[in-house]
Amino acid sequence: MAEQDTSPQPLEHDARVNRWERRAEVPMLLLAAAFLVAYAWPVIDPGLEPDLYNVLQALSWTIWLAFTLDFAIRIYLSDHRVAYALRNWYDVILVLIPMFRTLRLLRLFSLVRLLNRSTIGHSVIEKTSVYVTGAAVLMIFLSAVTVLDAERDAPGANITGFGDALWWSIVTAATVGYGDLYPVTLEGRLVAVLLMIMGVGLMGVVTAAVASWFLKGVAHSPESAR
């Protein structure tokens, strides 16, 4: 008599959601990149022609609708919908509050999640390097754009140009904080808090990756083989 297979089977809803995510991965990546362009361009260049500005605004709303549809499909395919929504809380926020400027920084998670699933690099260290580098560049750039959007027209603001915003974003992410530039609005300070938290996290990942690289080198050295 043949033995029955009692090993746990993968949940059907996980397979369905994973299949959809694999199919939508590249389109969602392109849409997230287009969203960054549509959002950042008017902020960096406030002198845009009205027609071009309106086109970029329409593009932002269209991309928001696309991400809303994608999230709705993923929720529909999941049998544990509440748990899935809680696990992807940042998608819920982006769908429910699409135009709150500070929360646009959370769009970073969509791109970072795709970078994390990237097949670039063969070793764990190579994949981690790609992930950390991409996440750091996106985090610094989007934080600069978001804080400039919040600060530019505020009374007493000292971050009024993209160059200043980019410098502030870099030193804040690095937890240096010279204090020469600082946000004065509530939204700008919320961006600073998010940026500092993510900066500390990324620095920890970088430290761990460097330590792993050194340990791997020592393990393969001739002296360790003796």
N, C-alpha and C. Protein backbone atom coordinates (compact mmCIF):
# COMPACT_ATOMS: atom_id res chain seq x y z
N MET A 1 0.85 -1.20 0.00
CA MET A 1 0.00 0.00 0.00
C MET A 1 0.88 1.25 0.00
N ALA A 2 0.60 2.11 -0.95
CA ALA A 2 1.42 3.32 -1.08
C ALA A 2 1.17 4.27 0.07
N GLU A 3 2.23 4.87 0.54
CA GLU A 3 2.11 5.83 1.62
C GLU A 3 1.52 7.13 1.10
N GLN A 4 0.65 7.71 1.90
CA GLN A 4 0.06 8.99 1.54
C GLN A 4 1.05 10.11 1.82
N ASP A 5 1.03 11.09 0.93
CA ASP A 5 1.91 12.25 1.11
C ASP A 5 1.30 13.19 2.14
N THR A 6 1.92 13.22 3.31
CA THR A 6 1.40 14.06 4.40
C THR A 6 2.16 15.36 4.53
N SER A 7 3.06 15.65 3.59
CA SER A 7 3.82 16.91 3.67
C SER A 7 2.90 18.07 3.38
N PRO A 8 3.13 19.22 4.01
CA PRO A 8 2.27 20.39 3.82
C PRO A 8 2.31 20.86 2.38
N GLN A 9 1.14 21.12 1.82
CA GLN A 9 1.03 21.61 0.46
C GLN A 9 1.00 23.14 0.46
N PRO A 10 1.53 23.78 -0.57
CA PRO A 10 1.51 25.23 -0.63
C PRO A 10 0.08 25.75 -0.74
N LEU A 11 -0.19 26.81 -0.06
CA LEU A 11 -1.53 27.38 -0.11
C LEU A 11 -1.84 27.87 -1.51
N GLU A 12 -3.08 27.58 -1.93
CA GLU A 12 -3.46 27.92 -3.30
C GLU A 12 -3.42 29.41 -3.55
N HIS A 13 -3.86 30.18 -2.52
CA HIS A 13 -3.91 31.63 -2.74
C HIS A 13 -2.51 32.20 -2.88
N ASP A 14 -1.52 31.61 -2.20
CA ASP A 14 -0.15 32.08 -2.35
C ASP A 14 0.33 31.87 -3.79
N ALA A 15 0.03 30.71 -4.34
CA ALA A 15 0.45 30.43 -5.72
C ALA A 15 -0.23 31.36 -6.70
N ARG A 16 -1.50 31.63 -6.50
CA ARG A 16 -2.23 32.51 -7.42
C ARG A 16 -1.69 33.94 -7.36
N VAL A 17 -1.47 34.43 -6.14
CA VAL A 17 -0.93 35.79 -6.00
C VAL A 17 0.48 35.87 -6.58
N ASN A 18 1.29 34.85 -6.31
CA ASN A 18 2.66 34.85 -6.83
C ASN A 18 2.69 34.83 -8.34
N ARG A 19 1.79 34.06 -8.95
CA ARG A 19 1.73 34.02 -10.42
C ARG A 19 1.37 35.40 -10.98
N TRP A 20 0.39 36.06 -10.35
CA TRP A 20 0.01 37.40 -10.81
C TRP A 20 1.16 38.40 -10.62
N GLU A 21 1.84 38.34 -9.48
CA GLU A 21 2.94 39.26 -9.23
C GLU A 21 4.07 39.07 -10.23
N ARG A 22 4.34 37.82 -10.60
CA ARG A 22 5.39 37.58 -11.59
C ARG A 22 5.01 38.16 -12.95
N ARG A 23 3.73 38.02 -13.31
CA ARG A 23 3.28 38.56 -14.59
C ARG A 23 3.29 40.09 -14.60
N ALA A 24 2.93 40.69 -13.47
CA ALA A 24 2.80 42.15 -13.40
C ALA A 24 4.08 42.84 -12.96
N GLU A 25 5.13 42.09 -12.67
CA GLU A 25 6.34 42.67 -12.08
C GLU A 25 6.95 43.75 -12.95
N VAL A 26 7.20 43.45 -14.23
CA VAL A 26 7.84 44.43 -15.11
C VAL A 26 6.92 45.63 -15.37
N PRO A 27 5.62 45.42 -15.72
CA PRO A 27 4.75 46.59 -15.90
C PRO A 27 4.65 47.47 -14.66
N MET A 28 4.60 46.86 -13.46
CA MET A 28 4.51 47.66 -12.24
C MET A 28 5.80 48.43 -11.98
N LEU A 29 6.94 47.82 -12.33
CA LEU A 29 8.21 48.51 -12.18
C LEU A 29 8.27 49.73 -13.10
N LEU A 30 7.82 49.56 -14.34
CA LEU A 30 7.81 50.68 -15.29
C LEU A 30 6.84 51.77 -14.85
N LEU A 31 5.68 51.36 -14.32
CA LEU A 31 4.71 52.35 -13.85
C LEU A 31 5.23 53.11 -12.63
N ALA A 32 5.93 52.40 -11.72
CA ALA A 32 6.50 53.08 -10.56
C ALA A 32 7.55 54.09 -10.98
N ALA A 33 8.38 53.72 -11.97
CA ALA A 33 9.38 54.66 -12.49
C ALA A 33 8.71 55.85 -13.15
N ALA A 34 7.62 55.60 -13.91
CA ALA A 34 6.89 56.70 -14.54
C ALA A 34 6.25 57.61 -13.50
N PHE A 35 5.78 57.02 -12.41
CA PHE A 35 5.20 57.82 -11.34
C PHE A 35 6.24 58.77 -10.74
N LEU A 36 7.45 58.26 -10.54
CA LEU A 36 8.50 59.11 -9.99
C LEU A 36 8.80 60.28 -10.91
N VAL A 37 8.83 60.01 -12.22
CA VAL A 37 9.09 61.08 -13.19
C VAL A 37 7.96 62.09 -13.17
N ALA A 38 6.71 61.59 -13.19
CA ALA A 38 5.55 62.49 -13.24
C ALA A 38 5.44 63.33 -11.97
N TYR A 39 5.87 62.77 -10.86
CA TYR A 39 5.81 63.52 -9.61
C TYR A 39 7.00 64.46 -9.46
N ALA A 40 8.20 63.98 -9.80
CA ALA A 40 9.41 64.75 -9.53
C ALA A 40 9.61 65.91 -10.50
N TRP A 41 9.25 65.73 -11.76
CA TRP A 41 9.51 66.76 -12.77
C TRP A 41 8.91 68.11 -12.40
N PRO A 42 7.60 68.19 -12.07
CA PRO A 42 7.05 69.51 -11.71
C PRO A 42 7.66 70.10 -10.44
N VAL A 43 8.11 69.24 -9.51
CA VAL A 43 8.70 69.74 -8.28
C VAL A 43 10.08 70.34 -8.54
N ILE A 44 10.89 69.62 -9.34
CA ILE A 44 12.24 70.09 -9.65
C ILE A 44 12.20 71.31 -10.55
N ASP A 45 11.26 71.33 -11.50
CA ASP A 45 11.14 72.44 -12.44
C ASP A 45 9.76 73.07 -12.32
N PRO A 46 9.57 73.99 -11.35
CA PRO A 46 8.24 74.57 -11.13
C PRO A 46 7.77 75.48 -12.26
N GLY A 47 8.65 75.80 -13.21
CA GLY A 47 8.27 76.67 -14.31
C GLY A 47 7.74 75.93 -15.52
N LEU A 48 7.23 74.73 -15.33
CA LEU A 48 6.70 73.95 -16.46
C LEU A 48 5.52 74.66 -17.11
N GLU A 49 5.37 74.42 -18.41
CA GLU A 49 4.21 74.94 -19.11
C GLU A 49 2.94 74.27 -18.58
N PRO A 50 1.83 75.00 -18.51
CA PRO A 50 0.60 74.43 -17.95
C PRO A 50 0.15 73.15 -18.63
N ASP A 51 0.30 73.07 -19.95
CA ASP A 51 -0.14 71.87 -20.67
C ASP A 51 0.67 70.65 -20.24
N LEU A 52 1.99 70.80 -20.14
CA LEU A 52 2.83 69.70 -19.73
C LEU A 52 2.55 69.32 -18.28
N TYR A 53 2.33 70.32 -17.43
CA TYR A 53 2.00 70.05 -16.04
C TYR A 53 0.71 69.23 -15.94
N ASN A 54 -0.30 69.60 -16.72
CA ASN A 54 -1.58 68.88 -16.70
C ASN A 54 -1.41 67.44 -17.18
N VAL A 55 -0.55 67.25 -18.18
CA VAL A 55 -0.30 65.89 -18.68
C VAL A 55 0.35 65.04 -17.59
N LEU A 56 1.32 65.61 -16.87
CA LEU A 56 1.99 64.87 -15.81
C LEU A 56 1.04 64.56 -14.65
N GLN A 57 0.15 65.50 -14.35
CA GLN A 57 -0.84 65.23 -13.31
C GLN A 57 -1.79 64.11 -13.71
N ALA A 58 -2.22 64.14 -14.97
CA ALA A 58 -3.10 63.07 -15.46
C ALA A 58 -2.38 61.73 -15.44
N LEU A 59 -1.09 61.75 -15.78
CA LEU A 59 -0.31 60.52 -15.75
C LEU A 59 -0.20 59.98 -14.32
N SER A 60 0.00 60.87 -13.34
CA SER A 60 0.09 60.44 -11.94
C SER A 60 -1.19 59.75 -11.50
N TRP A 61 -2.34 60.35 -11.84
CA TRP A 61 -3.62 59.75 -11.46
C TRP A 61 -3.86 58.43 -12.19
N THR A 62 -3.46 58.35 -13.44
CA THR A 62 -3.62 57.10 -14.20
C THR A 62 -2.80 55.98 -13.59
N ILE A 63 -1.57 56.31 -13.20
CA ILE A 63 -0.71 55.31 -12.58
C ILE A 63 -1.27 54.90 -11.22
N TRP A 64 -1.82 55.85 -10.48
CA TRP A 64 -2.45 55.51 -9.21
C TRP A 64 -3.60 54.53 -9.42
N LEU A 65 -4.41 54.75 -10.46
CA LEU A 65 -5.50 53.83 -10.77
C LEU A 65 -4.97 52.45 -11.13
N ALA A 66 -3.85 52.41 -11.85
CA ALA A 66 -3.25 51.12 -12.23
C ALA A 66 -2.77 50.37 -11.00
N PHE A 67 -2.13 51.07 -10.06
CA PHE A 67 -1.67 50.41 -8.84
C PHE A 67 -2.85 49.98 -7.97
N THR A 68 -3.91 50.78 -7.97
CA THR A 68 -5.12 50.40 -7.23
C THR A 68 -5.72 49.13 -7.80
N LEU A 69 -5.79 49.04 -9.13
CA LEU A 69 -6.32 47.84 -9.78
C LEU A 69 -5.43 46.62 -9.48
N ASP A 70 -4.13 46.81 -9.54
CA ASP A 70 -3.20 45.71 -9.25
C ASP A 70 -3.39 45.20 -7.83
N PHE A 71 -3.51 46.12 -6.88
CA PHE A 71 -3.69 45.72 -5.49
C PHE A 71 -5.04 45.03 -5.28
N ALA A 72 -6.07 45.54 -5.96
CA ALA A 72 -7.40 44.91 -5.85
C ALA A 72 -7.37 43.48 -6.39
N ILE A 73 -6.65 43.26 -7.48
CA ILE A 73 -6.54 41.91 -8.04
C ILE A 73 -5.81 40.99 -7.07
N ARG A 74 -4.74 41.49 -6.47
CA ARG A 74 -3.99 40.66 -5.52
C ARG A 74 -4.82 40.32 -4.30
N ILE A 75 -5.62 41.29 -3.83
CA ILE A 75 -6.53 41.02 -2.72
C ILE A 75 -7.56 39.97 -3.12
N TYR A 76 -8.10 40.09 -4.32
CA TYR A 76 -9.12 39.14 -4.80
C TYR A 76 -8.55 37.72 -4.90
N LEU A 77 -7.31 37.60 -5.32
CA LEU A 77 -6.70 36.28 -5.50
C LEU A 77 -6.31 35.63 -4.18
N SER A 78 -6.24 36.41 -3.12
CA SER A 78 -5.84 35.88 -1.82
C SER A 78 -7.05 35.39 -1.05
N ASP A 79 -6.95 34.20 -0.47
CA ASP A 79 -8.03 33.68 0.37
C ASP A 79 -8.03 34.33 1.75
N HIS A 80 -6.86 34.76 2.21
CA HIS A 80 -6.74 35.45 3.51
C HIS A 80 -6.53 36.93 3.23
N ARG A 81 -7.59 37.59 2.84
CA ARG A 81 -7.48 38.95 2.32
C ARG A 81 -7.08 39.97 3.38
N VAL A 82 -7.64 39.84 4.57
CA VAL A 82 -7.30 40.79 5.64
C VAL A 82 -5.82 40.66 6.01
N ALA A 83 -5.36 39.43 6.16
CA ALA A 83 -3.95 39.21 6.50
C ALA A 83 -3.04 39.72 5.40
N TYR A 84 -3.44 39.51 4.15
CA TYR A 84 -2.62 39.99 3.03
C TYR A 84 -2.56 41.52 3.02
N ALA A 85 -3.70 42.17 3.28
CA ALA A 85 -3.73 43.64 3.31
C ALA A 85 -2.87 44.18 4.44
N LEU A 86 -2.91 43.52 5.59
CA LEU A 86 -2.08 43.96 6.72
C LEU A 86 -0.61 43.76 6.42
N ARG A 87 -0.28 42.68 5.73
CA ARG A 87 1.12 42.42 5.39
C ARG A 87 1.64 43.43 4.37
N ASN A 88 0.74 43.97 3.55
CA ASN A 88 1.11 44.97 2.54
C ASN A 88 0.48 46.32 2.89
N TRP A 89 0.70 46.75 4.13
CA TRP A 89 0.06 47.96 4.64
C TRP A 89 0.40 49.21 3.84
N TYR A 90 1.63 49.26 3.29
CA TYR A 90 2.03 50.45 2.54
C TYR A 90 1.23 50.57 1.24
N ASP A 91 0.84 49.44 0.63
CA ASP A 91 -0.01 49.50 -0.55
C ASP A 91 -1.39 50.03 -0.20
N VAL A 92 -1.89 49.65 0.97
CA VAL A 92 -3.19 50.15 1.41
C VAL A 92 -3.16 51.66 1.56
N ILE A 93 -2.09 52.17 2.19
CA ILE A 93 -1.98 53.62 2.39
C ILE A 93 -1.89 54.34 1.05
N LEU A 94 -1.10 53.81 0.13
CA LEU A 94 -0.93 54.46 -1.17
C LEU A 94 -2.22 54.47 -1.97
N VAL A 95 -3.05 53.46 -1.77
CA VAL A 95 -4.33 53.41 -2.48
C VAL A 95 -5.35 54.37 -1.85
N LEU A 96 -5.38 54.40 -0.51
CA LEU A 96 -6.39 55.20 0.18
C LEU A 96 -6.06 56.68 0.21
N ILE A 97 -4.77 57.03 0.30
CA ILE A 97 -4.38 58.44 0.40
C ILE A 97 -3.35 58.74 -0.68
N PRO A 98 -3.77 58.76 -1.94
CA PRO A 98 -2.79 58.85 -3.03
C PRO A 98 -2.09 60.18 -3.15
N MET A 99 -2.70 61.27 -2.72
CA MET A 99 -2.13 62.58 -3.00
C MET A 99 -1.53 63.25 -1.76
N PHE A 100 -1.45 62.53 -0.64
CA PHE A 100 -0.78 63.09 0.53
C PHE A 100 0.72 63.06 0.27
N ARG A 101 1.32 64.23 0.18
CA ARG A 101 2.67 64.32 -0.36
C ARG A 101 3.70 63.51 0.41
N THR A 102 3.63 63.55 1.74
CA THR A 102 4.63 62.84 2.52
C THR A 102 4.57 61.34 2.26
N LEU A 103 3.37 60.80 2.12
CA LEU A 103 3.22 59.36 1.94
C LEU A 103 3.64 58.91 0.55
N ARG A 104 3.88 59.83 -0.36
CA ARG A 104 4.40 59.42 -1.66
C ARG A 104 5.78 58.79 -1.51
N LEU A 105 6.46 59.12 -0.41
CA LEU A 105 7.75 58.50 -0.15
C LEU A 105 7.62 56.98 -0.04
N LEU A 106 6.43 56.50 0.35
CA LEU A 106 6.22 55.07 0.47
C LEU A 106 6.22 54.37 -0.88
N ARG A 107 6.09 55.12 -1.98
CA ARG A 107 6.18 54.50 -3.30
C ARG A 107 7.55 53.83 -3.47
N LEU A 108 8.52 54.30 -2.66
CA LEU A 108 9.83 53.65 -2.67
C LEU A 108 9.73 52.16 -2.42
N PHE A 109 8.78 51.73 -1.57
CA PHE A 109 8.66 50.32 -1.24
C PHE A 109 8.33 49.48 -2.46
N SER A 110 7.55 50.03 -3.39
CA SER A 110 7.21 49.26 -4.59
C SER A 110 8.45 48.94 -5.41
N LEU A 111 9.30 49.93 -5.59
CA LEU A 111 10.52 49.71 -6.35
C LEU A 111 11.53 48.86 -5.59
N VAL A 112 11.64 49.09 -4.29
CA VAL A 112 12.58 48.31 -3.48
C VAL A 112 12.16 46.85 -3.44
N ARG A 113 10.86 46.60 -3.36
CA ARG A 113 10.38 45.22 -3.34
C ARG A 113 10.75 44.50 -4.64
N LEU A 114 10.67 45.20 -5.76
CA LEU A 114 11.04 44.59 -7.04
C LEU A 114 12.55 44.38 -7.11
N LEU A 115 13.32 45.31 -6.55
CA LEU A 115 14.77 45.13 -6.52
C LEU A 115 15.14 43.91 -5.67
N ASN A 116 14.41 43.71 -4.60
CA ASN A 116 14.69 42.59 -3.72
C ASN A 116 14.43 41.26 -4.40
N ARG A 117 13.50 41.24 -5.36
CA ARG A 117 13.18 40.02 -6.10
C ARG A 117 14.01 39.89 -7.37
N SER A 118 14.90 40.85 -7.59
CA SER A 118 15.70 40.84 -8.81
C SER A 118 16.65 39.65 -8.83
N THR A 119 16.92 39.16 -10.03
CA THR A 119 17.86 38.04 -10.20
C THR A 119 19.25 38.54 -10.54
N ILE A 120 19.49 39.85 -10.49
CA ILE A 120 20.81 40.38 -10.79
C ILE A 120 21.79 39.93 -9.73
N GLY A 121 22.92 39.40 -10.18
CA GLY A 121 23.92 38.90 -9.24
C GLY A 121 23.69 37.44 -8.91
N HIS A 122 24.77 36.72 -8.68
CA HIS A 122 24.69 35.29 -8.42
C HIS A 122 24.80 34.97 -6.93
N SER A 123 25.62 35.70 -6.22
CA SER A 123 25.80 35.42 -4.79
C SER A 123 24.89 36.32 -3.96
N VAL A 124 24.76 35.94 -2.69
CA VAL A 124 23.95 36.75 -1.78
C VAL A 124 24.54 38.15 -1.64
N ILE A 125 25.87 38.24 -1.61
CA ILE A 125 26.52 39.53 -1.46
C ILE A 125 26.24 40.41 -2.68
N GLU A 126 26.30 39.83 -3.88
CA GLU A 126 26.04 40.61 -5.09
C GLU A 126 24.60 41.10 -5.12
N LYS A 127 23.66 40.22 -4.77
CA LYS A 127 22.26 40.62 -4.76
C LYS A 127 22.01 41.68 -3.70
N THR A 128 22.65 41.53 -2.55
CA THR A 128 22.50 42.54 -1.50
C THR A 128 23.06 43.88 -1.94
N SER A 129 24.18 43.87 -2.66
CA SER A 129 24.79 45.11 -3.14
C SER A 129 23.86 45.83 -4.10
N VAL A 130 23.25 45.06 -5.02
CA VAL A 130 22.30 45.65 -5.96
C VAL A 130 21.11 46.23 -5.22
N TYR A 131 20.59 45.47 -4.27
CA TYR A 131 19.43 45.89 -3.50
C TYR A 131 19.72 47.16 -2.71
N VAL A 132 20.83 47.17 -1.98
CA VAL A 132 21.16 48.31 -1.13
C VAL A 132 21.45 49.55 -1.97
N THR A 133 22.21 49.39 -3.05
CA THR A 133 22.54 50.54 -3.89
C THR A 133 21.29 51.15 -4.51
N GLY A 134 20.44 50.30 -5.07
CA GLY A 134 19.20 50.80 -5.67
C GLY A 134 18.30 51.46 -4.66
N ALA A 135 18.14 50.83 -3.50
CA ALA A 135 17.28 51.39 -2.46
C ALA A 135 17.82 52.73 -1.96
N ALA A 136 19.13 52.83 -1.79
CA ALA A 136 19.72 54.08 -1.29
C ALA A 136 19.52 55.22 -2.28
N VAL A 137 19.77 54.96 -3.56
CA VAL A 137 19.61 56.00 -4.58
C VAL A 137 18.15 56.46 -4.65
N LEU A 138 17.22 55.52 -4.66
CA LEU A 138 15.81 55.87 -4.72
C LEU A 138 15.37 56.63 -3.47
N MET A 139 15.82 56.17 -2.32
CA MET A 139 15.44 56.81 -1.07
C MET A 139 15.92 58.25 -1.02
N ILE A 140 17.17 58.48 -1.38
CA ILE A 140 17.73 59.83 -1.32
C ILE A 140 17.05 60.75 -2.33
N PHE A 141 16.86 60.26 -3.55
CA PHE A 141 16.25 61.10 -4.59
C PHE A 141 14.80 61.44 -4.25
N LEU A 142 14.00 60.44 -3.90
CA LEU A 142 12.59 60.70 -3.64
C LEU A 142 12.40 61.53 -2.37
N SER A 143 13.25 61.33 -1.38
CA SER A 143 13.16 62.15 -0.17
C SER A 143 13.47 63.61 -0.49
N ALA A 144 14.47 63.84 -1.34
CA ALA A 144 14.80 65.21 -1.74
C ALA A 144 13.64 65.87 -2.45
N VAL A 145 13.02 65.14 -3.36
CA VAL A 145 11.88 65.70 -4.11
C VAL A 145 10.70 65.97 -3.17
N THR A 146 10.42 65.02 -2.29
CA THR A 146 9.27 65.16 -1.40
C THR A 146 9.45 66.32 -0.42
N VAL A 147 10.64 66.45 0.16
CA VAL A 147 10.85 67.54 1.11
C VAL A 147 10.85 68.88 0.40
N LEU A 148 11.36 68.94 -0.83
CA LEU A 148 11.31 70.19 -1.58
C LEU A 148 9.87 70.58 -1.90
N ASP A 149 9.06 69.59 -2.24
CA ASP A 149 7.64 69.84 -2.51
C ASP A 149 6.94 70.41 -1.30
N ALA A 150 7.30 69.94 -0.12
CA ALA A 150 6.67 70.39 1.11
C ALA A 150 7.21 71.73 1.60
N GLU A 151 8.50 72.01 1.34
CA GLU A 151 9.17 73.14 1.96
C GLU A 151 9.23 74.40 1.11
N ARG A 152 9.22 74.26 -0.19
CA ARG A 152 9.59 75.37 -1.08
C ARG A 152 8.83 76.67 -0.77
N ASP A 153 7.54 76.61 -0.57
CA ASP A 153 6.74 77.83 -0.39
C ASP A 153 6.38 78.08 1.08
N ALA A 154 6.99 77.36 2.00
CA ALA A 154 6.67 77.53 3.42
C ALA A 154 7.38 78.76 3.98
N PRO A 155 6.73 79.51 4.89
CA PRO A 155 7.40 80.65 5.53
C PRO A 155 8.63 80.22 6.32
N GLY A 156 9.74 80.91 6.12
CA GLY A 156 10.96 80.61 6.83
C GLY A 156 11.70 79.38 6.34
N ALA A 157 11.31 78.84 5.20
CA ALA A 157 11.96 77.63 4.68
C ALA A 157 13.36 77.95 4.19
N ASN A 158 14.30 77.01 4.40
CA ASN A 158 15.66 77.19 3.89
C ASN A 158 16.01 76.13 2.85
N ILE A 159 15.07 75.22 2.58
CA ILE A 159 15.24 74.23 1.51
C ILE A 159 14.31 74.65 0.38
N THR A 160 14.86 75.42 -0.55
CA THR A 160 14.02 76.00 -1.60
C THR A 160 14.47 75.62 -3.01
N GLY A 161 15.52 74.85 -3.14
CA GLY A 161 16.00 74.40 -4.45
C GLY A 161 16.35 72.93 -4.39
N PHE A 162 16.39 72.29 -5.56
CA PHE A 162 16.64 70.85 -5.58
C PHE A 162 18.05 70.52 -5.10
N GLY A 163 19.02 71.37 -5.40
CA GLY A 163 20.37 71.13 -4.93
C GLY A 163 20.45 71.07 -3.42
N ASP A 164 19.80 72.05 -2.76
CA ASP A 164 19.76 72.05 -1.30
C ASP A 164 19.01 70.82 -0.77
N ALA A 165 17.91 70.47 -1.42
CA ALA A 165 17.12 69.32 -0.98
C ALA A 165 17.91 68.03 -1.11
N LEU A 166 18.67 67.90 -2.19
CA LEU A 166 19.47 66.69 -2.39
C LEU A 166 20.58 66.59 -1.35
N TRP A 167 21.25 67.73 -1.07
CA TRP A 167 22.30 67.74 -0.03
C TRP A 167 21.71 67.37 1.32
N TRP A 168 20.57 67.96 1.66
CA TRP A 168 19.91 67.65 2.93
C TRP A 168 19.57 66.17 3.01
N SER A 169 19.06 65.60 1.91
CA SER A 169 18.66 64.20 1.89
C SER A 169 19.87 63.29 2.11
N ILE A 170 21.00 63.61 1.50
CA ILE A 170 22.19 62.78 1.64
C ILE A 170 22.70 62.78 3.07
N VAL A 171 22.85 63.97 3.66
CA VAL A 171 23.41 64.04 5.02
C VAL A 171 22.42 63.48 6.04
N THR A 172 21.13 63.57 5.78
CA THR A 172 20.14 63.01 6.70
C THR A 172 20.14 61.49 6.63
N ALA A 173 20.19 60.95 5.41
CA ALA A 173 20.23 59.49 5.25
C ALA A 173 21.49 58.90 5.88
N ALA A 174 22.59 59.66 5.81
CA ALA A 174 23.85 59.20 6.40
C ALA A 174 23.90 59.45 7.90
N THR A 175 22.83 60.01 8.46
CA THR A 175 22.72 60.35 9.89
C THR A 175 23.83 61.30 10.33
N VAL A 176 24.30 62.15 9.41
CA VAL A 176 25.31 63.16 9.75
C VAL A 176 24.63 64.39 10.32
N GLY A 177 23.69 64.96 9.56
CA GLY A 177 22.89 66.06 10.06
C GLY A 177 23.69 67.27 10.47
N TYR A 178 24.29 67.99 9.50
CA TYR A 178 25.08 69.17 9.82
C TYR A 178 24.25 70.29 10.43
N GLY A 179 22.97 70.34 10.11
CA GLY A 179 22.11 71.38 10.66
C GLY A 179 22.08 72.65 9.83
N ASP A 180 22.83 72.67 8.70
CA ASP A 180 22.79 73.87 7.85
C ASP A 180 21.47 73.98 7.12
N LEU A 181 20.84 72.86 6.82
CA LEU A 181 19.53 72.83 6.18
C LEU A 181 18.61 71.93 7.01
N TYR A 182 17.37 72.35 7.18
CA TYR A 182 16.44 71.57 7.98
C TYR A 182 15.01 71.92 7.57
N PRO A 183 14.09 70.97 7.66
CA PRO A 183 12.69 71.25 7.31
C PRO A 183 11.98 72.03 8.41
N VAL A 184 11.04 72.86 8.00
CA VAL A 184 10.28 73.66 8.96
C VAL A 184 8.80 73.29 8.97
N THR A 185 8.36 72.51 7.99
CA THR A 185 6.96 72.10 7.93
C THR A 185 6.77 70.74 8.56
N LEU A 186 5.53 70.43 8.92
CA LEU A 186 5.22 69.12 9.50
C LEU A 186 5.51 68.01 8.49
N GLU A 187 5.11 68.22 7.24
CA GLU A 187 5.35 67.20 6.22
C GLU A 187 6.84 66.97 6.00
N GLY A 188 7.60 68.07 5.97
CA GLY A 188 9.04 67.95 5.80
C GLY A 188 9.68 67.20 6.94
N ARG A 189 9.23 67.42 8.14
CA ARG A 189 9.80 66.72 9.30
C ARG A 189 9.41 65.24 9.30
N LEU A 190 8.21 64.93 8.83
CA LEU A 190 7.82 63.53 8.70
C LEU A 190 8.71 62.82 7.69
N VAL A 191 9.01 63.51 6.59
CA VAL A 191 9.94 62.94 5.61
C VAL A 191 11.30 62.69 6.25
N ALA A 192 11.75 63.64 7.07
CA ALA A 192 13.05 63.50 7.74
C ALA A 192 13.06 62.28 8.66
N VAL A 193 11.97 62.07 9.40
CA VAL A 193 11.89 60.91 10.30
C VAL A 193 11.96 59.61 9.50
N LEU A 194 11.16 59.52 8.42
CA LEU A 194 11.18 58.32 7.58
C LEU A 194 12.57 58.09 6.98
N LEU A 195 13.19 59.17 6.54
CA LEU A 195 14.50 59.07 5.91
C LEU A 195 15.56 58.61 6.91
N MET A 196 15.52 59.12 8.12
CA MET A 196 16.49 58.70 9.14
C MET A 196 16.31 57.23 9.50
N ILE A 197 15.06 56.80 9.64
CA ILE A 197 14.80 55.39 9.97
C ILE A 197 15.32 54.48 8.87
N MET A 198 14.99 54.82 7.61
CA MET A 198 15.44 53.99 6.50
C MET A 198 16.95 54.07 6.32
N GLY A 199 17.53 55.25 6.60
CA GLY A 199 18.97 55.39 6.49
C GLY A 199 19.71 54.52 7.49
N VAL A 200 19.23 54.48 8.73
CA VAL A 200 19.85 53.63 9.74
C VAL A 200 19.73 52.16 9.33
N GLY A 201 18.55 51.78 8.80
CA GLY A 201 18.36 50.40 8.36
C GLY A 201 19.29 50.02 7.23
N LEU A 202 19.43 50.91 6.26
CA LEU A 202 20.32 50.62 5.13
C LEU A 202 21.77 50.55 5.56
N MET A 203 22.16 51.41 6.50
CA MET A 203 23.54 51.35 7.00
C MET A 203 23.81 50.00 7.68
N GLY A 204 22.80 49.48 8.39
CA GLY A 204 22.96 48.17 9.00
C GLY A 204 23.12 47.07 7.96
N VAL A 205 22.36 47.17 6.86
CA VAL A 205 22.48 46.18 5.78
C VAL A 205 23.85 46.27 5.13
N VAL A 206 24.33 47.50 4.90
CA VAL A 206 25.66 47.68 4.31
C VAL A 206 26.73 47.08 5.21
N THR A 207 26.65 47.34 6.50
CA THR A 207 27.63 46.80 7.44
C THR A 207 27.63 45.28 7.42
N ALA A 208 26.42 44.69 7.40
CA ALA A 208 26.33 43.23 7.38
C ALA A 208 26.89 42.66 6.08
N ALA A 209 26.63 43.34 4.94
CA ALA A 209 27.14 42.86 3.65
C ALA A 209 28.66 42.91 3.61
N VAL A 210 29.24 44.01 4.12
CA VAL A 210 30.70 44.13 4.15
C VAL A 210 31.31 43.07 5.05
N ALA A 211 30.70 42.85 6.20
CA ALA A 211 31.21 41.82 7.12
C ALA A 211 31.15 40.43 6.48
N SER A 212 30.05 40.15 5.76
CA SER A 212 29.93 38.85 5.08
C SER A 212 30.99 38.71 4.00
N TRP A 213 31.27 39.79 3.31
CA TRP A 213 32.29 39.76 2.25
C TRP A 213 33.67 39.43 2.84
N PHE A 214 34.00 40.06 3.97
CA PHE A 214 35.28 39.79 4.61
C PHE A 214 35.35 38.35 5.12
N LEU A 215 34.26 37.89 5.73
CA LEU A 215 34.25 36.53 6.26
C LEU A 215 34.37 35.50 5.14
N LYS A 216 33.72 35.79 4.01
CA LYS A 216 33.82 34.88 2.88
C LYS A 216 35.25 34.83 2.35
N GLY A 217 35.92 35.99 2.33
CA GLY A 217 37.30 36.03 1.89
C GLY A 217 38.23 35.27 2.81
N VAL A 218 37.99 35.39 4.11
CA VAL A 218 38.82 34.68 5.08
C VAL A 218 38.59 33.18 4.99
N ALA A 219 37.33 32.76 4.77
CA ALA A 219 37.02 31.34 4.69
C ALA A 219 37.67 30.66 3.50
N HIS A 220 37.88 31.43 2.41
CA HIS A 220 38.48 30.86 1.20
C HIS A 220 39.98 31.15 1.10
N SER A 221 40.56 31.73 2.13
CA SER A 221 41.98 32.02 2.09
C SER A 221 42.80 30.75 2.29
N PRO A 222 44.06 30.70 1.78
CA PRO A 222 44.90 29.49 1.95
C PRO A 222 45.16 29.15 3.41
N GLU A 223 45.29 30.18 4.25
CA GLU A 223 45.59 29.92 5.66
C GLU A 223 44.46 29.17 6.33
N SER A 224 43.18 29.49 5.95
CA SER A 224 42.05 28.84 6.62
C SER A 224 41.88 27.40 6.19
N ALA A 225 42.49 27.04 5.03
CA ALA A 225 42.36 25.68 4.54
C ALA A 225 43.33 24.71 5.20
N ARG A 226 44.30 25.24 5.94
CA ARG A 226 45.30 24.39 6.60
C ARG A 226 44.72 23.69 7.83
